[in-house]
């Protein structure tokens, strides 16, 4: 096997792994946003629940569809992953703090 084929195959498998992790994370974030009370979003000075559920739904679809090979491009994939990460790292943490939830961490 030549070096070019090896590098290409490595890139394909790395992108597949990133897609799976991002897709699952985006799906979980979408479910989290969908089951959270609407007043929790306003209590944390975040956008509305409708806004975040819509953004996460579009992001989840783009993450899975773009990498399925429908030719939308890497830009849409990166935008979808960025939107999902903003929710997971910022909004979800603040909402869980207001609601007293603890995911994967112990309450002190």
N, C-alpha and C. Protein backbone atom coordinates (compact mmCIF):
# COMPACT_ATOMS: atom_id res chain seq x y z
N UNK A 1 0.84 -1.17 0.00
CA UNK A 1 0.00 0.00 0.00
C UNK A 1 0.89 1.23 0.00
N UNK A 2 0.55 2.16 -0.85
CA UNK A 2 1.38 3.36 -0.94
C UNK A 2 1.04 4.33 0.21
N UNK A 3 1.93 5.28 0.40
CA UNK A 3 1.76 6.25 1.47
C UNK A 3 0.52 7.12 1.24
N UNK A 4 0.26 7.48 0.01
CA UNK A 4 -0.89 8.33 -0.30
C UNK A 4 -2.21 7.62 0.04
N UNK A 5 -2.30 6.35 -0.27
CA UNK A 5 -3.51 5.59 0.05
C UNK A 5 -3.67 5.45 1.56
N UNK A 6 -2.57 5.21 2.26
CA UNK A 6 -2.61 5.08 3.71
C UNK A 6 -3.09 6.39 4.36
N UNK A 7 -2.54 7.51 3.91
CA UNK A 7 -2.92 8.81 4.47
C UNK A 7 -4.39 9.11 4.17
N UNK A 8 -4.83 8.80 2.97
CA UNK A 8 -6.23 9.03 2.61
C UNK A 8 -7.15 8.19 3.49
N UNK A 9 -6.83 6.92 3.66
CA UNK A 9 -7.65 6.05 4.51
C UNK A 9 -7.65 6.53 5.96
N UNK A 10 -6.52 7.00 6.45
CA UNK A 10 -6.45 7.52 7.82
C UNK A 10 -7.34 8.74 7.97
N UNK A 11 -7.32 9.63 6.98
CA UNK A 11 -8.17 10.82 7.02
C UNK A 11 -9.65 10.44 7.02
N UNK A 12 -10.01 9.47 6.23
CA UNK A 12 -11.41 9.04 6.14
C UNK A 12 -11.87 8.49 7.49
N UNK A 13 -11.06 7.65 8.12
CA UNK A 13 -11.45 7.05 9.39
C UNK A 13 -11.46 8.07 10.53
N UNK A 14 -10.55 9.01 10.52
CA UNK A 14 -10.54 10.06 11.55
C UNK A 14 -11.78 10.94 11.40
N UNK A 15 -12.12 11.33 10.18
CA UNK A 15 -13.31 12.14 9.95
C UNK A 15 -14.58 11.37 10.31
N UNK A 16 -14.59 10.07 10.05
CA UNK A 16 -15.73 9.25 10.44
C UNK A 16 -15.89 9.22 11.95
N UNK A 17 -14.80 9.08 12.68
CA UNK A 17 -14.86 9.08 14.14
C UNK A 17 -15.34 10.43 14.67
N UNK A 18 -14.84 11.51 14.11
CA UNK A 18 -15.28 12.84 14.53
C UNK A 18 -16.76 13.03 14.24
N UNK A 19 -17.21 12.55 13.10
CA UNK A 19 -18.62 12.66 12.74
C UNK A 19 -19.50 11.90 13.70
N UNK A 20 -19.11 10.71 14.05
CA UNK A 20 -19.92 9.90 14.97
C UNK A 20 -19.99 10.55 16.34
N UNK A 21 -18.86 11.00 16.85
CA UNK A 21 -18.84 11.65 18.17
C UNK A 21 -19.67 12.94 18.13
N UNK A 22 -19.49 13.76 17.11
CA UNK A 22 -20.23 15.01 16.99
C UNK A 22 -21.72 14.75 16.79
N UNK A 23 -22.06 13.75 16.00
CA UNK A 23 -23.47 13.44 15.76
C UNK A 23 -24.18 12.94 17.00
N UNK A 24 -23.54 12.07 17.75
CA UNK A 24 -24.14 11.57 18.98
C UNK A 24 -24.26 12.70 20.01
N UNK A 25 -23.22 13.52 20.12
CA UNK A 25 -23.26 14.64 21.06
C UNK A 25 -24.35 15.63 20.68
N UNK A 26 -24.48 15.91 19.41
CA UNK A 26 -25.52 16.82 18.95
C UNK A 26 -26.92 16.26 19.20
N UNK A 27 -27.09 14.98 19.01
CA UNK A 27 -28.38 14.34 19.28
C UNK A 27 -28.72 14.42 20.76
N UNK A 28 -27.75 14.15 21.62
CA UNK A 28 -27.98 14.23 23.06
C UNK A 28 -28.27 15.67 23.47
N UNK A 29 -27.57 16.64 22.90
CA UNK A 29 -27.83 18.04 23.20
C UNK A 29 -29.23 18.44 22.74
N UNK A 30 -29.66 17.95 21.61
CA UNK A 30 -31.01 18.24 21.12
C UNK A 30 -32.07 17.69 22.07
N UNK A 31 -31.87 16.47 22.54
CA UNK A 31 -32.81 15.88 23.50
C UNK A 31 -32.80 16.68 24.80
N UNK A 32 -31.62 17.07 25.26
CA UNK A 32 -31.50 17.86 26.48
C UNK A 32 -32.27 19.17 26.34
N UNK A 33 -32.10 19.86 25.24
CA UNK A 33 -32.81 21.12 25.02
C UNK A 33 -34.31 20.91 24.91
N UNK A 34 -34.71 19.82 24.30
CA UNK A 34 -36.13 19.57 24.10
C UNK A 34 -36.86 19.24 25.40
N UNK A 35 -36.18 18.59 26.34
CA UNK A 35 -36.86 18.20 27.59
C UNK A 35 -36.69 19.23 28.70
N UNK A 36 -35.91 20.26 28.47
CA UNK A 36 -35.69 21.28 29.48
C UNK A 36 -36.84 22.28 29.47
N UNK A 37 -37.22 22.74 30.65
CA UNK A 37 -38.30 23.72 30.77
C UNK A 37 -37.92 25.02 30.07
N UNK A 38 -38.88 25.68 29.42
CA UNK A 38 -38.58 26.94 28.71
C UNK A 38 -38.09 28.06 29.62
N UNK A 39 -38.57 28.10 30.87
CA UNK A 39 -38.16 29.18 31.76
C UNK A 39 -36.71 29.07 32.19
N UNK A 40 -36.12 27.89 32.07
CA UNK A 40 -34.70 27.73 32.42
C UNK A 40 -33.81 28.48 31.44
N UNK A 41 -34.23 28.58 30.20
CA UNK A 41 -33.44 29.30 29.20
C UNK A 41 -33.45 30.80 29.48
N UNK A 42 -34.61 31.33 29.83
CA UNK A 42 -34.69 32.76 30.13
C UNK A 42 -34.02 33.09 31.45
N UNK A 43 -34.02 32.15 32.39
CA UNK A 43 -33.38 32.39 33.68
C UNK A 43 -31.86 32.50 33.55
N UNK A 44 -31.31 31.91 32.53
CA UNK A 44 -29.86 31.96 32.33
C UNK A 44 -29.45 32.99 31.30
N UNK A 45 -30.37 33.85 30.90
CA UNK A 45 -30.11 34.88 29.89
C UNK A 45 -29.64 34.29 28.57
N UNK A 46 -30.11 33.09 28.26
CA UNK A 46 -29.79 32.46 26.97
C UNK A 46 -30.93 32.78 26.00
N UNK A 47 -30.76 32.39 24.77
CA UNK A 47 -31.84 32.52 23.80
C UNK A 47 -32.99 31.62 24.22
N UNK A 48 -34.10 31.71 23.54
CA UNK A 48 -35.28 30.93 23.91
C UNK A 48 -35.07 29.44 23.63
N UNK A 49 -35.95 28.65 24.24
CA UNK A 49 -35.90 27.21 24.03
C UNK A 49 -36.14 26.88 22.56
N UNK A 50 -37.07 27.57 21.92
CA UNK A 50 -37.37 27.33 20.51
C UNK A 50 -36.14 27.58 19.64
N UNK A 51 -35.41 28.65 19.95
CA UNK A 51 -34.20 28.97 19.21
C UNK A 51 -33.19 27.83 19.31
N UNK A 52 -32.91 27.37 20.53
CA UNK A 52 -31.89 26.34 20.70
C UNK A 52 -32.32 24.99 20.16
N UNK A 53 -33.58 24.64 20.30
CA UNK A 53 -34.04 23.37 19.73
C UNK A 53 -33.94 23.42 18.21
N UNK A 54 -34.29 24.56 17.62
CA UNK A 54 -34.19 24.70 16.16
C UNK A 54 -32.74 24.62 15.69
N UNK A 55 -31.86 25.37 16.36
CA UNK A 55 -30.44 25.36 16.00
C UNK A 55 -29.85 23.96 16.13
N UNK A 56 -30.17 23.29 17.23
CA UNK A 56 -29.61 21.95 17.44
C UNK A 56 -30.21 20.92 16.48
N UNK A 57 -31.46 21.08 16.11
CA UNK A 57 -32.06 20.16 15.13
C UNK A 57 -31.38 20.31 13.77
N UNK A 58 -31.18 21.55 13.34
CA UNK A 58 -30.50 21.79 12.07
C UNK A 58 -29.05 21.30 12.15
N UNK A 59 -28.39 21.56 13.27
CA UNK A 59 -27.00 21.10 13.44
C UNK A 59 -26.90 19.59 13.39
N UNK A 60 -27.81 18.91 14.06
CA UNK A 60 -27.78 17.44 14.05
C UNK A 60 -27.98 16.90 12.65
N UNK A 61 -28.92 17.47 11.93
CA UNK A 61 -29.15 17.03 10.55
C UNK A 61 -27.92 17.30 9.68
N UNK A 62 -27.35 18.49 9.81
CA UNK A 62 -26.18 18.82 8.99
C UNK A 62 -24.98 17.93 9.32
N UNK A 63 -24.78 17.64 10.59
CA UNK A 63 -23.64 16.79 10.96
C UNK A 63 -23.76 15.42 10.31
N UNK A 64 -24.94 14.83 10.38
CA UNK A 64 -25.10 13.50 9.80
C UNK A 64 -25.17 13.54 8.27
N UNK A 65 -25.85 14.52 7.70
CA UNK A 65 -26.06 14.55 6.25
C UNK A 65 -24.79 14.96 5.51
N UNK A 66 -24.10 15.96 6.01
CA UNK A 66 -22.89 16.42 5.32
C UNK A 66 -21.88 15.29 5.21
N UNK A 67 -21.70 14.56 6.25
CA UNK A 67 -20.70 13.50 6.22
C UNK A 67 -21.22 12.23 5.55
N UNK A 68 -22.51 12.18 5.28
CA UNK A 68 -23.03 11.04 4.53
C UNK A 68 -22.69 11.16 3.05
N UNK A 69 -22.18 12.32 2.66
CA UNK A 69 -21.70 12.47 1.29
C UNK A 69 -22.64 13.17 0.35
N UNK A 70 -23.52 13.99 0.89
CA UNK A 70 -24.44 14.70 0.02
C UNK A 70 -23.85 16.01 -0.50
N UNK A 71 -22.56 16.24 -0.26
CA UNK A 71 -21.82 17.29 -0.92
C UNK A 71 -22.10 18.71 -0.48
N UNK A 72 -22.48 18.93 0.75
CA UNK A 72 -22.72 20.30 1.21
C UNK A 72 -21.44 21.02 1.59
N UNK A 73 -20.43 20.29 1.93
CA UNK A 73 -19.15 20.91 2.21
C UNK A 73 -18.80 20.96 3.68
N UNK A 74 -17.53 21.15 3.89
CA UNK A 74 -16.98 21.16 5.24
C UNK A 74 -17.42 22.38 6.03
N UNK A 75 -17.71 23.49 5.37
CA UNK A 75 -18.11 24.71 6.06
C UNK A 75 -19.39 24.50 6.87
N UNK A 76 -20.38 23.83 6.30
CA UNK A 76 -21.62 23.57 7.01
C UNK A 76 -21.41 22.62 8.17
N UNK A 77 -20.55 21.64 7.98
CA UNK A 77 -20.23 20.71 9.06
C UNK A 77 -19.59 21.45 10.23
N UNK A 78 -18.64 22.33 9.94
CA UNK A 78 -17.97 23.08 11.00
C UNK A 78 -18.92 24.04 11.70
N UNK A 79 -19.82 24.67 10.96
CA UNK A 79 -20.81 25.56 11.57
C UNK A 79 -21.74 24.78 12.48
N UNK A 80 -22.15 23.59 12.06
CA UNK A 80 -23.04 22.76 12.88
C UNK A 80 -22.34 22.30 14.15
N UNK A 81 -21.10 21.88 14.03
CA UNK A 81 -20.34 21.44 15.20
C UNK A 81 -20.11 22.61 16.16
N UNK A 82 -19.85 23.80 15.63
CA UNK A 82 -19.65 24.97 16.47
C UNK A 82 -20.92 25.32 17.24
N UNK A 83 -22.06 25.30 16.59
CA UNK A 83 -23.33 25.59 17.26
C UNK A 83 -23.60 24.56 18.36
N UNK A 84 -23.34 23.30 18.08
CA UNK A 84 -23.55 22.25 19.07
C UNK A 84 -22.62 22.44 20.26
N UNK A 85 -21.37 22.79 20.00
CA UNK A 85 -20.41 22.98 21.09
C UNK A 85 -20.75 24.19 21.95
N UNK A 86 -21.27 25.26 21.35
CA UNK A 86 -21.70 26.42 22.15
C UNK A 86 -22.79 26.00 23.12
N UNK A 87 -23.74 25.21 22.65
CA UNK A 87 -24.81 24.76 23.55
C UNK A 87 -24.25 23.85 24.66
N UNK A 88 -23.45 22.88 24.27
CA UNK A 88 -22.96 21.90 25.25
C UNK A 88 -22.04 22.53 26.29
N UNK A 89 -21.15 23.41 25.86
CA UNK A 89 -20.13 23.95 26.75
C UNK A 89 -20.64 25.15 27.56
N UNK A 90 -21.56 25.93 26.98
CA UNK A 90 -21.99 27.15 27.65
C UNK A 90 -23.42 27.07 28.16
N UNK A 91 -24.37 26.92 27.27
CA UNK A 91 -25.77 27.01 27.64
C UNK A 91 -26.20 25.86 28.54
N UNK A 92 -25.85 24.63 28.19
CA UNK A 92 -26.24 23.47 28.98
C UNK A 92 -25.71 23.56 30.39
N UNK A 93 -24.49 24.01 30.55
CA UNK A 93 -23.88 24.10 31.87
C UNK A 93 -24.63 25.11 32.73
N UNK A 94 -24.98 26.26 32.15
CA UNK A 94 -25.72 27.27 32.91
C UNK A 94 -27.12 26.79 33.26
N UNK A 95 -27.78 26.11 32.32
CA UNK A 95 -29.12 25.60 32.58
C UNK A 95 -29.09 24.54 33.67
N UNK A 96 -28.14 23.64 33.60
CA UNK A 96 -28.03 22.61 34.63
C UNK A 96 -27.71 23.21 35.98
N UNK A 97 -26.95 24.31 36.01
CA UNK A 97 -26.67 24.99 37.27
C UNK A 97 -27.92 25.59 37.88
N UNK A 98 -28.77 26.18 37.04
CA UNK A 98 -30.01 26.78 37.53
C UNK A 98 -30.97 25.70 38.01
N UNK A 99 -31.05 24.60 37.29
CA UNK A 99 -31.98 23.52 37.64
C UNK A 99 -31.43 22.57 38.69
N UNK A 100 -30.17 22.72 39.06
CA UNK A 100 -29.57 21.85 40.08
C UNK A 100 -29.24 20.46 39.59
N UNK A 101 -29.07 20.29 38.30
CA UNK A 101 -28.70 18.99 37.74
C UNK A 101 -27.19 18.83 37.80
N UNK A 102 -26.75 17.61 37.95
CA UNK A 102 -25.31 17.35 37.87
C UNK A 102 -25.10 16.16 36.94
N UNK A 103 -24.44 16.44 35.82
CA UNK A 103 -24.15 15.41 34.82
C UNK A 103 -22.65 15.14 34.88
N UNK A 104 -22.28 13.97 35.24
CA UNK A 104 -20.89 13.52 35.24
C UNK A 104 -20.01 14.29 36.21
N UNK A 105 -20.59 14.89 37.22
CA UNK A 105 -19.78 15.56 38.22
C UNK A 105 -20.52 15.48 39.56
N UNK A 106 -19.76 15.55 40.62
CA UNK A 106 -20.35 15.47 41.95
C UNK A 106 -20.66 16.86 42.46
N UNK A 107 -21.78 16.97 43.14
CA UNK A 107 -22.13 18.25 43.76
C UNK A 107 -21.30 18.43 45.02
N UNK A 108 -20.75 19.60 45.22
CA UNK A 108 -19.93 19.85 46.40
C UNK A 108 -20.78 20.32 47.56
